[in-house]
Amino acid sequence: MARVESRSPHKQRRSAVTHPNLLTLDEARQELRIGRSTIFKHLNSGALKDVRIGGRRFIALTEIERVLKDGLPSCKPKLGRVRRNLWSV
């Protein structure tokens, strides 16, 4: 049997993009210590800016530094339709 060498566990894989100042969403999420759904909420609300390259999304290191310095606004869940009791009018 041929032996397959695995990557060294202590080496961190950087994003496949050649530009070193861009992080994948997963790398940015780990830097900001927020969850996957939270990072998408901030991206969709415009509080966090991303760069799209070839269908993939990246976040610039300057954007990460800005967020770490200034913070992100709270992501309040959008409330659905308000239900009213028509009998209590």
N, C-alpha and C. Protein backbone atom coordinates (compact mmCIF):
# COMPACT_ATOMS: atom_id res chain seq x y z
N MET A 1 0.83 -1.19 0.00
CA MET A 1 0.00 0.00 0.00
C MET A 1 0.87 1.24 0.00
N ALA A 2 0.45 2.23 -0.75
CA ALA A 2 1.18 3.50 -0.78
C ALA A 2 0.73 4.34 0.40
N ARG A 3 1.67 4.97 1.02
CA ARG A 3 1.36 5.80 2.17
C ARG A 3 1.11 7.24 1.71
N VAL A 4 0.03 7.81 2.17
CA VAL A 4 -0.33 9.18 1.80
C VAL A 4 0.07 10.09 2.94
N GLU A 5 0.85 11.10 2.61
CA GLU A 5 1.26 12.05 3.65
C GLU A 5 0.17 13.09 3.84
N SER A 6 -0.10 13.38 5.09
CA SER A 6 -1.10 14.41 5.37
C SER A 6 -0.38 15.73 5.63
N ARG A 7 -1.13 16.79 5.55
CA ARG A 7 -0.56 18.10 5.84
C ARG A 7 -0.21 18.21 7.31
N SER A 8 0.76 19.02 7.59
CA SER A 8 1.14 19.24 8.97
C SER A 8 -0.01 19.92 9.70
N PRO A 9 -0.41 19.45 10.87
CA PRO A 9 -1.56 20.04 11.55
C PRO A 9 -1.32 21.45 12.06
N HIS A 10 -0.07 21.86 12.22
CA HIS A 10 0.18 23.20 12.76
C HIS A 10 0.22 24.27 11.67
N LYS A 11 0.17 23.91 10.41
CA LYS A 11 0.15 24.90 9.35
C LYS A 11 -1.29 25.31 9.08
N GLN A 12 -1.52 26.62 9.10
CA GLN A 12 -2.86 27.11 8.80
C GLN A 12 -2.97 27.36 7.31
N ARG A 13 -4.08 26.99 6.75
CA ARG A 13 -4.31 27.21 5.34
C ARG A 13 -4.91 28.60 5.16
N ARG A 14 -4.29 29.40 4.36
CA ARG A 14 -4.83 30.71 4.03
C ARG A 14 -5.72 30.56 2.81
N SER A 15 -6.46 31.58 2.51
CA SER A 15 -7.38 31.51 1.39
C SER A 15 -6.63 31.30 0.08
N ALA A 16 -7.30 30.70 -0.87
CA ALA A 16 -6.69 30.35 -2.14
C ALA A 16 -6.46 31.56 -3.03
N VAL A 17 -6.99 32.69 -2.66
CA VAL A 17 -6.80 33.91 -3.44
C VAL A 17 -5.37 34.37 -3.26
N THR A 18 -4.79 34.90 -4.33
CA THR A 18 -3.39 35.31 -4.26
C THR A 18 -3.19 36.58 -3.46
N HIS A 19 -4.24 37.34 -3.23
CA HIS A 19 -4.11 38.59 -2.48
C HIS A 19 -4.10 38.29 -0.99
N PRO A 20 -3.03 38.64 -0.29
CA PRO A 20 -2.93 38.26 1.13
C PRO A 20 -3.82 39.07 2.06
N ASN A 21 -4.42 40.16 1.57
CA ASN A 21 -5.25 41.00 2.44
C ASN A 21 -6.72 40.64 2.40
N LEU A 22 -7.05 39.50 1.82
CA LEU A 22 -8.43 39.05 1.77
C LEU A 22 -8.58 37.76 2.57
N LEU A 23 -9.67 37.69 3.33
CA LEU A 23 -9.98 36.49 4.11
C LEU A 23 -11.26 35.88 3.59
N THR A 24 -11.33 34.56 3.65
CA THR A 24 -12.60 33.90 3.33
C THR A 24 -13.59 34.23 4.44
N LEU A 25 -14.85 33.96 4.20
CA LEU A 25 -15.86 34.24 5.23
C LEU A 25 -15.61 33.42 6.48
N ASP A 26 -15.14 32.20 6.31
CA ASP A 26 -14.86 31.36 7.47
C ASP A 26 -13.69 31.92 8.28
N GLU A 27 -12.64 32.38 7.59
CA GLU A 27 -11.50 32.98 8.29
C GLU A 27 -11.91 34.27 8.99
N ALA A 28 -12.72 35.08 8.33
CA ALA A 28 -13.19 36.33 8.93
C ALA A 28 -14.07 36.05 10.13
N ARG A 29 -14.92 35.03 10.00
CA ARG A 29 -15.79 34.65 11.11
C ARG A 29 -14.99 34.25 12.34
N GLN A 30 -13.90 33.52 12.10
CA GLN A 30 -13.05 33.10 13.21
C GLN A 30 -12.32 34.29 13.83
N GLU A 31 -11.88 35.23 12.99
CA GLU A 31 -11.21 36.43 13.52
C GLU A 31 -12.16 37.27 14.37
N LEU A 32 -13.41 37.39 13.91
CA LEU A 32 -14.39 38.22 14.63
C LEU A 32 -15.08 37.46 15.75
N ARG A 33 -14.88 36.14 15.78
CA ARG A 33 -15.49 35.28 16.79
C ARG A 33 -17.01 35.40 16.80
N ILE A 34 -17.58 35.27 15.60
CA ILE A 34 -19.02 35.28 15.46
C ILE A 34 -19.43 34.04 14.66
N GLY A 35 -20.68 33.70 14.71
CA GLY A 35 -21.18 32.53 14.03
C GLY A 35 -21.42 32.75 12.55
N ARG A 36 -21.67 31.66 11.86
CA ARG A 36 -21.87 31.72 10.41
C ARG A 36 -23.12 32.52 10.05
N SER A 37 -24.21 32.28 10.75
CA SER A 37 -25.44 33.02 10.44
C SER A 37 -25.29 34.50 10.78
N THR A 38 -24.54 34.82 11.81
CA THR A 38 -24.34 36.21 12.21
C THR A 38 -23.54 36.96 11.16
N ILE A 39 -22.51 36.35 10.60
CA ILE A 39 -21.72 37.04 9.59
C ILE A 39 -22.57 37.30 8.35
N PHE A 40 -23.45 36.37 8.00
CA PHE A 40 -24.33 36.60 6.84
C PHE A 40 -25.36 37.68 7.13
N LYS A 41 -25.85 37.78 8.36
CA LYS A 41 -26.77 38.86 8.72
C LYS A 41 -26.10 40.21 8.55
N HIS A 42 -24.84 40.33 9.00
CA HIS A 42 -24.12 41.60 8.88
C HIS A 42 -23.78 41.90 7.43
N LEU A 43 -23.46 40.90 6.65
CA LEU A 43 -23.18 41.12 5.22
C LEU A 43 -24.44 41.58 4.50
N ASN A 44 -25.56 40.93 4.77
CA ASN A 44 -26.81 41.28 4.09
C ASN A 44 -27.35 42.64 4.52
N SER A 45 -27.08 43.04 5.76
CA SER A 45 -27.55 44.35 6.23
C SER A 45 -26.64 45.48 5.77
N GLY A 46 -25.43 45.15 5.30
CA GLY A 46 -24.50 46.18 4.84
C GLY A 46 -23.56 46.67 5.92
N ALA A 47 -23.67 46.13 7.12
CA ALA A 47 -22.78 46.54 8.21
C ALA A 47 -21.36 46.02 8.00
N LEU A 48 -21.23 44.97 7.23
CA LEU A 48 -19.94 44.36 6.92
C LEU A 48 -19.82 44.28 5.40
N LYS A 49 -18.74 44.81 4.87
CA LYS A 49 -18.56 44.86 3.42
C LYS A 49 -17.72 43.68 2.96
N ASP A 50 -18.12 43.12 1.81
CA ASP A 50 -17.38 41.99 1.26
C ASP A 50 -16.96 42.28 -0.18
N VAL A 51 -16.08 41.42 -0.68
CA VAL A 51 -15.58 41.50 -2.05
C VAL A 51 -15.91 40.17 -2.70
N ARG A 52 -16.46 40.21 -3.90
CA ARG A 52 -16.78 38.98 -4.61
C ARG A 52 -15.78 38.78 -5.74
N ILE A 53 -15.18 37.60 -5.75
CA ILE A 53 -14.23 37.23 -6.79
C ILE A 53 -14.62 35.86 -7.30
N GLY A 54 -15.00 35.79 -8.54
CA GLY A 54 -15.35 34.51 -9.14
C GLY A 54 -16.44 33.75 -8.41
N GLY A 55 -17.42 34.44 -7.91
CA GLY A 55 -18.52 33.78 -7.21
C GLY A 55 -18.24 33.51 -5.74
N ARG A 56 -17.05 33.79 -5.28
CA ARG A 56 -16.71 33.59 -3.86
C ARG A 56 -16.69 34.94 -3.16
N ARG A 57 -16.98 34.92 -1.87
CA ARG A 57 -17.00 36.16 -1.08
C ARG A 57 -15.81 36.19 -0.14
N PHE A 58 -15.20 37.37 -0.06
CA PHE A 58 -14.05 37.60 0.81
C PHE A 58 -14.26 38.89 1.56
N ILE A 59 -13.56 39.02 2.68
CA ILE A 59 -13.59 40.24 3.48
C ILE A 59 -12.17 40.74 3.62
N ALA A 60 -11.98 42.04 3.38
CA ALA A 60 -10.65 42.63 3.45
C ALA A 60 -10.20 42.74 4.91
N LEU A 61 -8.89 42.65 5.11
CA LEU A 61 -8.33 42.79 6.46
C LEU A 61 -8.63 44.17 7.05
N THR A 62 -8.67 45.19 6.21
CA THR A 62 -8.98 46.53 6.71
C THR A 62 -10.40 46.58 7.26
N GLU A 63 -11.31 45.83 6.65
CA GLU A 63 -12.69 45.77 7.14
C GLU A 63 -12.74 45.05 8.49
N ILE A 64 -11.95 44.00 8.64
CA ILE A 64 -11.88 43.28 9.92
C ILE A 64 -11.33 44.20 11.00
N GLU A 65 -10.27 44.95 10.67
CA GLU A 65 -9.68 45.88 11.64
C GLU A 65 -10.68 46.97 12.03
N ARG A 66 -11.46 47.46 11.06
CA ARG A 66 -12.46 48.49 11.35
C ARG A 66 -13.52 47.94 12.31
N VAL A 67 -13.95 46.72 12.06
CA VAL A 67 -14.98 46.12 12.91
C VAL A 67 -14.43 45.86 14.31
N LEU A 68 -13.20 45.40 14.41
CA LEU A 68 -12.61 45.16 15.72
C LEU A 68 -12.44 46.47 16.49
N LYS A 69 -12.18 47.56 15.77
CA LYS A 69 -12.00 48.85 16.42
C LYS A 69 -13.35 49.48 16.80
N ASP A 70 -14.29 49.51 15.84
CA ASP A 70 -15.56 50.22 16.04
C ASP A 70 -16.69 49.32 16.50
N GLY A 71 -16.58 48.03 16.24
CA GLY A 71 -17.66 47.11 16.59
C GLY A 71 -18.71 47.04 15.50
N LEU A 72 -19.60 46.09 15.63
CA LEU A 72 -20.71 45.90 14.71
C LEU A 72 -22.00 46.28 15.41
N PRO A 73 -22.96 46.83 14.66
CA PRO A 73 -24.26 47.10 15.30
C PRO A 73 -24.94 45.79 15.64
N SER A 74 -25.84 45.84 16.59
CA SER A 74 -26.52 44.60 16.97
C SER A 74 -27.40 44.13 15.82
N CYS A 75 -27.47 42.85 15.67
CA CYS A 75 -28.29 42.24 14.63
C CYS A 75 -29.60 41.81 15.26
N LYS A 76 -30.56 42.68 15.22
CA LYS A 76 -31.86 42.31 15.78
C LYS A 76 -32.63 41.54 14.72
N PRO A 77 -33.26 40.47 15.13
CA PRO A 77 -34.03 39.71 14.14
C PRO A 77 -35.21 40.54 13.64
N LYS A 78 -35.51 40.39 12.37
CA LYS A 78 -36.66 41.09 11.80
C LYS A 78 -37.92 40.45 12.34
N LEU A 79 -38.81 41.30 12.80
CA LEU A 79 -40.08 40.80 13.32
C LEU A 79 -41.02 40.53 12.17
N GLY A 80 -41.74 39.49 12.29
CA GLY A 80 -42.72 39.16 11.27
C GLY A 80 -43.94 40.06 11.38
N ARG A 81 -44.98 39.69 10.72
CA ARG A 81 -46.21 40.45 10.74
C ARG A 81 -46.76 40.50 12.16
N VAL A 82 -47.20 41.65 12.58
CA VAL A 82 -47.76 41.80 13.90
C VAL A 82 -49.17 41.24 13.88
N ARG A 83 -49.43 40.32 14.77
CA ARG A 83 -50.76 39.73 14.83
C ARG A 83 -51.60 40.51 15.81
N ARG A 84 -52.75 40.86 15.36
CA ARG A 84 -53.66 41.61 16.21
C ARG A 84 -54.89 40.79 16.52
N ASN A 85 -55.34 40.97 17.68
CA ASN A 85 -56.57 40.30 18.07
C ASN A 85 -57.73 41.20 17.63
N LEU A 86 -58.45 40.78 16.62
CA LEU A 86 -59.52 41.60 16.07
C LEU A 86 -60.71 41.71 17.02
N TRP A 87 -60.81 40.81 17.98
CA TRP A 87 -61.94 40.82 18.89
C TRP A 87 -61.76 41.81 20.04
N SER A 88 -60.54 42.32 20.21
CA SER A 88 -60.31 43.24 21.33
C SER A 88 -60.31 44.70 20.90
N VAL A 89 -60.92 45.02 19.77
CA VAL A 89 -60.92 46.38 19.24
C VAL A 89 -61.83 47.27 20.01
